[in-house]
N, C-alpha and C. Protein backbone atom coordinates (compact mmCIF):
# COMPACT_ATOMS: atom_id res chain seq x y z
N MET A 1 51.57 99.97 119.16
CA MET A 1 52.07 101.23 118.64
C MET A 1 51.86 102.36 119.64
N GLY A 2 50.92 102.16 120.58
CA GLY A 2 50.62 103.21 121.53
C GLY A 2 51.82 103.58 122.39
N GLY A 3 52.75 102.59 122.58
CA GLY A 3 53.92 102.85 123.41
C GLY A 3 54.88 103.81 122.77
N LEU A 4 54.75 104.04 121.45
CA LEU A 4 55.67 104.93 120.76
C LEU A 4 55.20 106.37 120.78
N ILE A 5 53.94 106.60 121.21
CA ILE A 5 53.40 107.95 121.23
C ILE A 5 54.14 108.78 122.28
N GLY A 6 54.54 109.96 121.90
CA GLY A 6 55.21 110.86 122.83
C GLY A 6 56.71 110.67 122.90
N ARG A 7 57.25 109.69 122.19
CA ARG A 7 58.70 109.48 122.17
C ARG A 7 59.36 110.44 121.17
N THR A 8 60.57 110.86 121.49
CA THR A 8 61.33 111.69 120.57
C THR A 8 61.85 110.81 119.45
N PRO A 9 62.25 111.40 118.30
CA PRO A 9 62.83 110.60 117.20
C PRO A 9 64.02 109.77 117.64
N LEU A 10 64.86 110.33 118.53
CA LEU A 10 66.03 109.60 119.01
C LEU A 10 65.62 108.39 119.84
N GLU A 11 64.65 108.60 120.72
CA GLU A 11 64.17 107.48 121.54
C GLU A 11 63.52 106.41 120.67
N HIS A 12 62.79 106.85 119.66
CA HIS A 12 62.15 105.91 118.73
C HIS A 12 63.20 105.08 118.00
N GLN A 13 64.28 105.74 117.57
CA GLN A 13 65.35 105.04 116.85
C GLN A 13 66.06 104.05 117.76
N GLU A 14 66.32 104.44 119.01
CA GLU A 14 66.96 103.54 119.96
C GLU A 14 66.09 102.33 120.24
N LEU A 15 64.77 102.53 120.33
CA LEU A 15 63.85 101.42 120.57
C LEU A 15 63.85 100.46 119.40
N GLU A 16 63.85 100.99 118.19
CA GLU A 16 63.87 100.14 117.00
C GLU A 16 65.16 99.33 116.94
N GLN A 17 66.28 99.95 117.29
CA GLN A 17 67.56 99.23 117.30
C GLN A 17 67.56 98.12 118.33
N ARG A 18 66.96 98.40 119.50
CA ARG A 18 66.90 97.38 120.55
C ARG A 18 66.01 96.22 120.13
N LEU A 19 64.89 96.52 119.49
CA LEU A 19 64.00 95.46 119.00
C LEU A 19 64.68 94.64 117.91
N LYS A 20 65.44 95.32 117.05
CA LYS A 20 66.15 94.61 115.98
C LYS A 20 67.21 93.68 116.56
N GLN A 21 67.92 94.15 117.60
CA GLN A 21 68.93 93.32 118.24
C GLN A 21 68.29 92.11 118.91
N ASP A 22 67.14 92.32 119.56
CA ASP A 22 66.45 91.22 120.21
C ASP A 22 66.07 90.13 119.21
N GLN A 23 65.71 90.54 118.00
CA GLN A 23 65.33 89.57 116.97
C GLN A 23 66.54 88.75 116.52
N GLN A 24 67.75 89.29 116.71
CA GLN A 24 68.95 88.60 116.28
C GLN A 24 69.51 87.66 117.35
N ILE A 25 68.99 87.73 118.57
CA ILE A 25 69.47 86.86 119.64
C ILE A 25 68.99 85.44 119.37
N PRO A 26 69.90 84.49 119.21
CA PRO A 26 69.48 83.11 118.91
C PRO A 26 68.86 82.42 120.11
N ALA A 27 68.02 81.43 119.83
CA ALA A 27 67.43 80.62 120.89
C ALA A 27 68.52 79.77 121.53
N LEU A 28 68.24 79.26 122.72
CA LEU A 28 69.24 78.50 123.46
C LEU A 28 69.81 77.31 122.66
N PRO A 29 68.97 76.51 121.96
CA PRO A 29 69.54 75.40 121.17
C PRO A 29 70.56 75.88 120.13
N ASN A 30 70.28 77.01 119.51
CA ASN A 30 71.23 77.56 118.54
C ASN A 30 72.51 78.03 119.21
N CYS A 31 72.37 78.59 120.41
CA CYS A 31 73.55 79.01 121.16
C CYS A 31 74.43 77.81 121.52
N ILE A 32 73.77 76.74 121.94
CA ILE A 32 74.49 75.52 122.30
C ILE A 32 75.18 74.93 121.07
N ALA A 33 74.49 74.96 119.93
CA ALA A 33 75.07 74.44 118.69
C ALA A 33 76.30 75.26 118.30
N TYR A 34 76.22 76.57 118.45
CA TYR A 34 77.34 77.46 118.14
C TYR A 34 78.56 77.10 119.01
N LEU A 35 78.34 77.00 120.32
CA LEU A 35 79.44 76.69 121.23
C LEU A 35 79.99 75.29 120.97
N ALA A 36 79.12 74.35 120.62
CA ALA A 36 79.57 72.98 120.34
C ALA A 36 80.49 72.96 119.13
N ILE A 37 80.14 73.72 118.10
CA ILE A 37 80.98 73.79 116.90
C ILE A 37 82.33 74.40 117.25
N VAL A 38 82.31 75.48 118.02
CA VAL A 38 83.57 76.13 118.41
C VAL A 38 84.47 75.16 119.17
N ILE A 39 83.89 74.45 120.13
CA ILE A 39 84.68 73.52 120.96
C ILE A 39 85.20 72.36 120.13
N LEU A 40 84.35 71.78 119.31
CA LEU A 40 84.75 70.61 118.50
C LEU A 40 85.84 70.98 117.49
N VAL A 41 85.65 72.09 116.79
CA VAL A 41 86.63 72.50 115.77
C VAL A 41 87.96 72.87 116.44
N THR A 42 87.89 73.62 117.53
CA THR A 42 89.10 74.03 118.24
C THR A 42 89.87 72.81 118.75
N THR A 43 89.15 71.89 119.38
CA THR A 43 89.78 70.69 119.92
C THR A 43 90.38 69.83 118.82
N PHE A 44 89.63 69.66 117.73
CA PHE A 44 90.10 68.84 116.62
C PHE A 44 91.38 69.43 116.01
N LEU A 45 91.36 70.72 115.73
CA LEU A 45 92.53 71.35 115.10
C LEU A 45 93.74 71.34 116.02
N PHE A 46 93.52 71.46 117.31
CA PHE A 46 94.65 71.50 118.23
C PHE A 46 95.29 70.12 118.41
N PHE A 47 94.46 69.08 118.52
CA PHE A 47 94.99 67.76 118.88
C PHE A 47 95.26 66.86 117.67
N ILE A 48 94.90 67.31 116.46
CA ILE A 48 95.06 66.45 115.30
C ILE A 48 96.53 66.16 114.98
N SER A 49 97.43 67.04 115.42
CA SER A 49 98.84 66.89 115.04
C SER A 49 99.73 67.57 116.07
N ASP A 50 101.04 67.27 116.01
CA ASP A 50 102.00 68.02 116.82
C ASP A 50 102.57 69.19 116.02
N TYR A 51 102.14 69.32 114.75
CA TYR A 51 102.47 70.46 113.89
C TYR A 51 103.98 70.67 113.76
N PHE A 52 104.67 69.57 113.47
CA PHE A 52 106.13 69.66 113.30
C PHE A 52 106.49 70.65 112.21
N TRP A 53 105.85 70.55 111.05
CA TRP A 53 106.24 71.39 109.92
C TRP A 53 105.86 72.84 110.14
N LEU A 54 104.77 73.08 110.83
CA LEU A 54 104.41 74.46 111.17
C LEU A 54 105.47 75.05 112.09
N ARG A 55 105.91 74.27 113.06
CA ARG A 55 106.95 74.74 113.97
C ARG A 55 108.28 74.94 113.24
N PHE A 56 108.57 74.02 112.32
CA PHE A 56 109.84 74.10 111.59
C PHE A 56 109.89 75.35 110.71
N TYR A 57 108.81 75.61 109.96
CA TYR A 57 108.82 76.78 109.07
C TYR A 57 108.70 78.09 109.88
N THR A 58 108.07 78.02 111.04
CA THR A 58 108.06 79.19 111.92
C THR A 58 109.48 79.49 112.38
N ALA A 59 110.20 78.44 112.76
CA ALA A 59 111.60 78.62 113.18
C ALA A 59 112.46 79.13 112.03
N GLU A 60 112.26 78.57 110.83
CA GLU A 60 113.03 79.00 109.67
C GLU A 60 112.78 80.47 109.35
N GLY A 61 111.52 80.86 109.38
CA GLY A 61 111.19 82.26 109.11
C GLY A 61 111.81 83.19 110.13
N THR A 62 111.74 82.78 111.40
CA THR A 62 112.34 83.57 112.47
C THR A 62 113.84 83.70 112.28
N SER A 63 114.49 82.57 112.02
CA SER A 63 115.95 82.55 111.86
C SER A 63 116.40 83.42 110.69
N GLN A 64 115.74 83.32 109.56
CA GLN A 64 116.14 84.09 108.39
C GLN A 64 115.99 85.59 108.63
N ILE A 65 114.95 85.98 109.33
CA ILE A 65 114.73 87.41 109.57
C ILE A 65 115.74 87.97 110.57
N ILE A 66 115.96 87.27 111.68
CA ILE A 66 116.91 87.80 112.67
C ILE A 66 118.34 87.79 112.12
N ASN A 67 118.63 86.90 111.20
CA ASN A 67 119.97 86.88 110.60
C ASN A 67 120.22 88.12 109.75
N LEU A 68 119.15 88.75 109.28
CA LEU A 68 119.30 89.99 108.53
C LEU A 68 119.79 91.13 109.42
N PHE A 69 119.64 90.95 110.73
CA PHE A 69 120.03 92.00 111.69
C PHE A 69 121.28 91.63 112.47
N GLY A 70 122.12 90.78 111.87
CA GLY A 70 123.42 90.51 112.46
C GLY A 70 123.53 89.25 113.29
N PHE A 71 122.43 88.51 113.45
CA PHE A 71 122.52 87.24 114.16
C PHE A 71 123.10 86.17 113.23
N ASN A 72 123.51 85.08 113.81
CA ASN A 72 124.02 83.96 113.02
C ASN A 72 123.33 82.68 113.48
N SER A 73 122.01 82.73 113.47
CA SER A 73 121.22 81.61 113.99
C SER A 73 121.01 80.55 112.92
N ALA A 74 120.62 79.38 113.38
CA ALA A 74 120.30 78.27 112.48
C ALA A 74 119.16 77.47 113.09
N VAL A 75 118.57 76.61 112.28
CA VAL A 75 117.43 75.81 112.72
C VAL A 75 117.76 74.34 112.53
N THR A 76 117.38 73.56 113.49
CA THR A 76 117.50 72.11 113.36
C THR A 76 116.17 71.47 113.73
N GLY A 77 115.78 70.48 112.96
CA GLY A 77 114.53 69.78 113.22
C GLY A 77 114.69 68.29 113.04
N ASP A 78 114.12 67.53 113.95
CA ASP A 78 114.21 66.08 113.91
C ASP A 78 112.80 65.50 113.83
N ILE A 79 112.46 64.98 112.66
CA ILE A 79 111.11 64.46 112.46
C ILE A 79 110.81 63.29 113.40
N ALA A 80 111.80 62.46 113.64
CA ALA A 80 111.60 61.28 114.48
C ALA A 80 111.17 61.67 115.89
N SER A 81 111.83 62.66 116.46
CA SER A 81 111.51 63.08 117.83
C SER A 81 110.48 64.21 117.85
N GLY A 82 110.28 64.85 116.68
CA GLY A 82 109.34 65.96 116.59
C GLY A 82 109.84 67.24 117.22
N ARG A 83 111.16 67.38 117.41
CA ARG A 83 111.71 68.54 118.08
C ARG A 83 112.29 69.53 117.07
N VAL A 84 112.08 70.82 117.35
CA VAL A 84 112.58 71.89 116.49
C VAL A 84 113.29 72.91 117.36
N TRP A 85 114.50 73.32 116.90
CA TRP A 85 115.30 74.26 117.67
C TRP A 85 115.75 75.43 116.81
N ILE A 86 115.81 76.62 117.43
CA ILE A 86 116.52 77.76 116.85
C ILE A 86 117.71 77.99 117.78
N PHE A 87 118.91 78.02 117.22
CA PHE A 87 120.07 78.14 118.10
C PHE A 87 121.13 79.07 117.51
N GLN A 88 121.89 79.65 118.41
CA GLN A 88 123.07 80.42 118.06
C GLN A 88 124.09 80.18 119.16
N ALA A 89 125.23 79.63 118.78
CA ALA A 89 126.23 79.23 119.77
C ALA A 89 126.59 80.40 120.69
N GLY A 90 126.52 80.14 121.98
CA GLY A 90 126.95 81.12 122.96
C GLY A 90 125.92 82.16 123.32
N GLU A 91 124.78 82.22 122.63
CA GLU A 91 123.79 83.26 122.91
C GLU A 91 122.42 82.69 123.29
N PHE A 92 121.90 81.78 122.48
CA PHE A 92 120.59 81.24 122.81
C PHE A 92 120.39 79.89 122.14
N ASN A 93 119.48 79.15 122.69
CA ASN A 93 119.13 77.84 122.16
C ASN A 93 117.67 77.60 122.53
N PHE A 94 116.73 77.95 121.62
CA PHE A 94 115.30 77.89 121.89
C PHE A 94 114.65 76.71 121.19
N GLU A 95 113.88 75.94 121.94
CA GLU A 95 113.10 74.87 121.33
C GLU A 95 111.68 75.37 121.11
N LEU A 96 111.17 75.13 119.89
CA LEU A 96 109.79 75.50 119.58
C LEU A 96 108.90 74.28 119.81
N ILE A 97 108.15 74.33 120.91
CA ILE A 97 107.20 73.26 121.18
C ILE A 97 105.87 73.59 120.52
N LYS A 98 104.90 72.73 120.70
CA LYS A 98 103.64 72.86 119.97
C LYS A 98 102.95 74.20 120.21
N ILE A 99 102.89 74.64 121.46
CA ILE A 99 102.19 75.89 121.75
C ILE A 99 102.94 77.10 121.23
N CYS A 100 104.21 76.92 120.83
CA CYS A 100 104.97 78.02 120.23
C CYS A 100 104.59 78.25 118.77
N SER A 101 103.80 77.36 118.21
CA SER A 101 103.46 77.44 116.79
C SER A 101 102.30 78.39 116.51
N GLY A 102 101.61 78.83 117.56
CA GLY A 102 100.45 79.69 117.37
C GLY A 102 99.18 78.90 117.09
N ILE A 103 99.25 77.56 117.20
CA ILE A 103 98.12 76.73 116.82
C ILE A 103 96.94 76.92 117.76
N GLU A 104 97.18 77.31 119.02
CA GLU A 104 96.06 77.54 119.93
C GLU A 104 95.15 78.66 119.43
N ALA A 105 95.77 79.77 119.04
CA ALA A 105 94.99 80.90 118.53
C ALA A 105 94.35 80.57 117.19
N ILE A 106 95.10 79.86 116.33
CA ILE A 106 94.56 79.47 115.03
C ILE A 106 93.34 78.58 115.21
N ALA A 107 93.44 77.60 116.10
CA ALA A 107 92.34 76.66 116.31
C ALA A 107 91.12 77.35 116.88
N LEU A 108 91.31 78.21 117.88
CA LEU A 108 90.19 78.88 118.54
C LEU A 108 89.46 79.83 117.58
N ILE A 109 90.22 80.68 116.89
CA ILE A 109 89.57 81.64 115.99
C ILE A 109 88.96 80.93 114.80
N SER A 110 89.58 79.86 114.32
CA SER A 110 88.99 79.07 113.24
C SER A 110 87.66 78.47 113.68
N GLY A 111 87.61 78.00 114.93
CA GLY A 111 86.36 77.46 115.46
C GLY A 111 85.27 78.51 115.50
N LEU A 112 85.62 79.73 115.92
CA LEU A 112 84.65 80.83 115.95
C LEU A 112 84.18 81.19 114.54
N ILE A 113 85.11 81.17 113.59
CA ILE A 113 84.77 81.49 112.20
C ILE A 113 83.79 80.47 111.63
N ILE A 114 84.10 79.20 111.82
CA ILE A 114 83.26 78.14 111.26
C ILE A 114 81.88 78.13 111.92
N ALA A 115 81.81 78.51 113.19
CA ALA A 115 80.53 78.53 113.90
C ALA A 115 79.67 79.72 113.51
N THR A 116 80.26 80.75 112.94
CA THR A 116 79.51 81.95 112.58
C THR A 116 78.58 81.69 111.40
N PRO A 117 77.32 82.07 111.50
CA PRO A 117 76.39 81.87 110.38
C PRO A 117 76.71 82.81 109.22
N THR A 118 77.39 82.30 108.23
CA THR A 118 77.74 83.06 107.03
C THR A 118 78.01 82.06 105.91
N SER A 119 78.40 82.54 104.75
CA SER A 119 78.66 81.63 103.63
C SER A 119 79.96 80.86 103.85
N TRP A 120 80.05 79.68 103.23
CA TRP A 120 81.27 78.89 103.36
C TRP A 120 82.45 79.57 102.69
N LYS A 121 82.18 80.38 101.69
CA LYS A 121 83.26 81.13 101.04
C LYS A 121 83.92 82.06 102.05
N ARG A 122 83.10 82.79 102.80
CA ARG A 122 83.64 83.70 103.81
C ARG A 122 84.35 82.92 104.92
N ARG A 123 83.81 81.78 105.29
CA ARG A 123 84.45 80.97 106.33
C ARG A 123 85.83 80.51 105.89
N ILE A 124 85.92 80.00 104.66
CA ILE A 124 87.20 79.51 104.16
C ILE A 124 88.22 80.64 104.06
N ILE A 125 87.78 81.77 103.53
CA ILE A 125 88.68 82.93 103.44
C ILE A 125 89.14 83.36 104.83
N GLY A 126 88.19 83.37 105.78
CA GLY A 126 88.52 83.75 107.15
C GLY A 126 89.54 82.82 107.79
N VAL A 127 89.36 81.51 107.60
CA VAL A 127 90.30 80.53 108.18
C VAL A 127 91.68 80.67 107.54
N LEU A 128 91.74 80.82 106.23
CA LEU A 128 93.03 81.00 105.56
C LEU A 128 93.71 82.28 106.03
N PHE A 129 92.92 83.33 106.17
CA PHE A 129 93.46 84.60 106.63
C PHE A 129 94.07 84.47 108.02
N ILE A 130 93.36 83.79 108.91
CA ILE A 130 93.85 83.67 110.28
C ILE A 130 95.06 82.75 110.35
N CYS A 131 95.11 81.72 109.51
CA CYS A 131 96.26 80.81 109.51
C CYS A 131 97.53 81.55 109.10
N PHE A 132 97.47 82.25 107.97
CA PHE A 132 98.66 82.96 107.49
C PHE A 132 98.97 84.17 108.36
N GLY A 133 97.91 84.85 108.84
CA GLY A 133 98.12 86.02 109.68
C GLY A 133 98.81 85.68 110.98
N ILE A 134 98.34 84.65 111.66
CA ILE A 134 98.94 84.27 112.94
C ILE A 134 100.32 83.67 112.72
N PHE A 135 100.53 82.99 111.59
CA PHE A 135 101.86 82.47 111.27
C PHE A 135 102.88 83.62 111.24
N GLY A 136 102.54 84.69 110.52
CA GLY A 136 103.44 85.84 110.45
C GLY A 136 103.58 86.56 111.77
N ALA A 137 102.46 86.74 112.48
CA ALA A 137 102.49 87.42 113.77
C ALA A 137 103.30 86.63 114.80
N ASN A 138 103.22 85.31 114.72
CA ASN A 138 103.94 84.46 115.66
C ASN A 138 105.44 84.56 115.44
N ILE A 139 105.85 84.67 114.19
CA ILE A 139 107.27 84.87 113.89
C ILE A 139 107.76 86.17 114.52
N LEU A 140 106.96 87.22 114.39
CA LEU A 140 107.31 88.51 114.99
C LEU A 140 107.41 88.39 116.51
N ARG A 141 106.51 87.62 117.11
CA ARG A 141 106.54 87.42 118.56
C ARG A 141 107.82 86.72 118.99
N ILE A 142 108.21 85.67 118.26
CA ILE A 142 109.42 84.92 118.61
C ILE A 142 110.67 85.78 118.40
N ILE A 143 110.68 86.56 117.32
CA ILE A 143 111.80 87.46 117.09
C ILE A 143 111.97 88.42 118.27
N THR A 144 110.85 88.98 118.72
CA THR A 144 110.89 89.91 119.86
C THR A 144 111.45 89.22 121.11
N THR A 145 111.03 87.99 121.34
CA THR A 145 111.52 87.23 122.49
C THR A 145 113.03 87.03 122.42
N ILE A 146 113.52 86.64 121.25
CA ILE A 146 114.96 86.39 121.08
C ILE A 146 115.76 87.68 121.25
N VAL A 147 115.29 88.75 120.63
CA VAL A 147 116.01 90.03 120.72
C VAL A 147 116.06 90.52 122.16
N LEU A 148 114.94 90.47 122.86
CA LEU A 148 114.93 90.91 124.26
C LEU A 148 115.85 90.06 125.12
N TYR A 149 115.83 88.75 124.89
CA TYR A 149 116.66 87.85 125.68
C TYR A 149 118.14 88.12 125.44
N THR A 150 118.52 88.31 124.19
CA THR A 150 119.93 88.57 123.88
C THR A 150 120.37 89.96 124.33
N GLN A 151 119.41 90.83 124.63
CA GLN A 151 119.75 92.16 125.13
C GLN A 151 119.77 92.20 126.66
N GLY A 152 119.65 91.03 127.28
CA GLY A 152 119.82 90.96 128.72
C GLY A 152 118.54 90.89 129.52
N PHE A 153 117.38 90.86 128.87
CA PHE A 153 116.13 90.75 129.61
C PHE A 153 115.98 89.34 130.17
N ASP A 154 115.35 89.26 131.33
CA ASP A 154 115.08 87.97 131.93
C ASP A 154 114.19 87.14 131.00
N LEU A 155 114.44 85.83 130.93
CA LEU A 155 113.70 84.97 130.01
C LEU A 155 112.21 84.98 130.32
N TYR A 156 111.86 85.07 131.60
CA TYR A 156 110.44 85.10 131.97
C TYR A 156 109.76 86.34 131.38
N ILE A 157 110.43 87.48 131.47
CA ILE A 157 109.88 88.72 130.92
C ILE A 157 109.80 88.63 129.40
N ALA A 158 110.90 88.18 128.78
CA ALA A 158 110.97 88.14 127.31
C ALA A 158 110.01 87.13 126.72
N HIS A 159 109.86 85.99 127.39
CA HIS A 159 109.07 84.91 126.81
C HIS A 159 107.63 84.88 127.32
N GLU A 160 107.45 84.99 128.62
CA GLU A 160 106.11 84.83 129.18
C GLU A 160 105.31 86.14 129.12
N VAL A 161 105.86 87.20 129.69
CA VAL A 161 105.11 88.45 129.81
C VAL A 161 104.90 89.11 128.46
N VAL A 162 106.00 89.38 127.76
CA VAL A 162 105.90 90.07 126.46
C VAL A 162 105.12 89.23 125.46
N SER A 163 105.35 87.92 125.45
CA SER A 163 104.64 87.04 124.52
C SER A 163 103.14 87.06 124.80
N ALA A 164 102.77 87.07 126.07
CA ALA A 164 101.35 87.10 126.42
C ALA A 164 100.70 88.40 125.94
N ILE A 165 101.41 89.51 126.11
CA ILE A 165 100.89 90.79 125.65
C ILE A 165 100.73 90.79 124.14
N PHE A 166 101.76 90.31 123.43
CA PHE A 166 101.70 90.23 121.98
C PHE A 166 100.52 89.36 121.53
N THR A 167 100.35 88.22 122.17
CA THR A 167 99.28 87.29 121.79
C THR A 167 97.91 87.93 121.93
N ILE A 168 97.67 88.60 123.05
CA ILE A 168 96.38 89.24 123.28
C ILE A 168 96.13 90.32 122.23
N ILE A 169 97.16 91.14 121.97
CA ILE A 169 97.01 92.21 120.98
C ILE A 169 96.73 91.64 119.60
N PHE A 170 97.48 90.63 119.19
CA PHE A 170 97.30 90.03 117.87
C PHE A 170 95.90 89.44 117.71
N ILE A 171 95.42 88.74 118.74
CA ILE A 171 94.10 88.12 118.65
C ILE A 171 93.02 89.19 118.48
N ILE A 172 93.12 90.26 119.26
CA ILE A 172 92.14 91.35 119.15
C ILE A 172 92.18 91.97 117.77
N VAL A 173 93.39 92.24 117.28
CA VAL A 173 93.55 92.87 115.96
C VAL A 173 92.98 91.98 114.86
N PHE A 174 93.29 90.68 114.90
CA PHE A 174 92.80 89.78 113.86
C PHE A 174 91.29 89.63 113.90
N ILE A 175 90.72 89.59 115.09
CA ILE A 175 89.26 89.50 115.21
C ILE A 175 88.61 90.74 114.60
N LEU A 176 89.17 91.90 114.89
CA LEU A 176 88.63 93.14 114.32
C LEU A 176 88.79 93.17 112.80
N MET A 177 89.89 92.65 112.29
CA MET A 177 90.13 92.61 110.85
C MET A 177 89.15 91.68 110.15
N ILE A 178 88.88 90.53 110.78
CA ILE A 178 87.91 89.59 110.22
C ILE A 178 86.53 90.25 110.16
N GLN A 179 86.16 90.93 111.26
CA GLN A 179 84.87 91.62 111.31
C GLN A 179 84.79 92.70 110.23
N ALA A 180 85.86 93.44 110.03
CA ALA A 180 85.84 94.58 109.10
C ALA A 180 85.93 94.15 107.64
N TRP A 181 86.69 93.09 107.35
CA TRP A 181 87.02 92.78 105.96
C TRP A 181 86.38 91.51 105.41
N ILE A 182 86.06 90.55 106.30
CA ILE A 182 85.68 89.23 105.78
C ILE A 182 84.28 88.81 106.21
N ILE A 183 84.01 88.82 107.51
CA ILE A 183 82.72 88.35 108.03
C ILE A 183 82.10 89.46 108.87
N PRO A 184 81.21 90.26 108.28
CA PRO A 184 80.66 91.43 108.98
C PRO A 184 79.91 91.12 110.28
N ASN A 185 79.39 89.90 110.41
CA ASN A 185 78.64 89.55 111.62
C ASN A 185 79.45 88.68 112.57
N PHE A 186 80.76 88.68 112.43
CA PHE A 186 81.63 87.79 113.21
C PHE A 186 81.53 88.07 114.71
N ILE A 187 81.80 89.31 115.10
CA ILE A 187 81.75 89.67 116.51
C ILE A 187 80.31 89.69 117.00
N ASP A 188 79.40 90.21 116.17
CA ASP A 188 77.99 90.29 116.56
C ASP A 188 77.42 88.91 116.90
N SER A 189 77.80 87.90 116.11
CA SER A 189 77.28 86.55 116.35
C SER A 189 77.73 86.03 117.70
N LEU A 190 78.99 86.25 118.03
CA LEU A 190 79.52 85.79 119.32
C LEU A 190 78.81 86.51 120.47
N ILE A 191 78.66 87.82 120.34
CA ILE A 191 77.99 88.59 121.39
C ILE A 191 76.54 88.14 121.56
N ASN A 192 75.85 87.94 120.44
CA ASN A 192 74.44 87.52 120.50
C ASN A 192 74.28 86.15 121.15
N VAL A 193 75.23 85.26 120.89
CA VAL A 193 75.19 83.93 121.52
C VAL A 193 75.36 84.06 123.02
N LEU A 194 76.33 84.87 123.43
CA LEU A 194 76.54 85.08 124.87
C LEU A 194 75.32 85.69 125.54
N ILE A 195 74.71 86.65 124.86
CA ILE A 195 73.49 87.28 125.40
C ILE A 195 72.38 86.24 125.50
N GLY A 196 72.25 85.40 124.45
CA GLY A 196 71.22 84.37 124.45
C GLY A 196 71.39 83.39 125.59
N ILE A 197 72.64 83.02 125.90
CA ILE A 197 72.89 82.09 126.99
C ILE A 197 72.56 82.74 128.33
N VAL A 198 72.99 84.00 128.51
CA VAL A 198 72.73 84.71 129.76
C VAL A 198 71.22 84.85 129.98
N ARG A 199 70.50 85.18 128.93
CA ARG A 199 69.03 85.32 129.06
C ARG A 199 68.38 83.99 129.41
N ALA A 200 68.89 82.92 128.79
CA ALA A 200 68.31 81.60 129.06
C ALA A 200 68.57 81.20 130.52
N VAL A 201 69.77 81.50 131.01
CA VAL A 201 70.11 81.15 132.39
C VAL A 201 69.27 81.97 133.37
N LYS A 202 69.11 83.27 133.10
CA LYS A 202 68.31 84.13 133.98
C LYS A 202 66.83 83.73 133.95
N GLY A 203 66.38 83.24 132.79
CA GLY A 203 64.98 82.89 132.67
C GLY A 203 64.64 81.52 133.22
N SER A 204 65.69 80.72 133.50
CA SER A 204 65.43 79.36 133.99
C SER A 204 65.12 79.33 135.48
């Protein structure tokens, strides 16, 4: 307690917050367990399927929405080959492959959710939220790609650059929403794990 003598109230409060944060930093085995869960869940969800139906309904949702704005697009899907297309004669013909389904982001964030120390109720709600949220956001991303392409933008700009920007923004927004509405320690847990690993590496 002698170290606190002569400190201002603000300095005392900052010290208490730092001590409280230190107590929340997990030990290295817990950090490794957290990362293992993230990797296993992410890998399992990504490779378990080619997500034909997710791609098909993503294409259907995209097609129905852009048709409201004067397009005349249609969707075709072949279960045998696993291929899904959104097409409009004379304007575009886009195939939705696996990574177009948003499953990478769904798998990664689901892995982070399941690894977070919280109740299973919050985990399940978080996973459902991210599945439906990214499904809707992904449709918006594909719509943007199609509209830009049909307006004369280069396919690389419309598909690669703009899509990458959309993906980063959506992931950040969804992570913040999960932290604010569903799992209050979601971001804190990830940060604490990273701090725990860095400290363990520096101390070794």
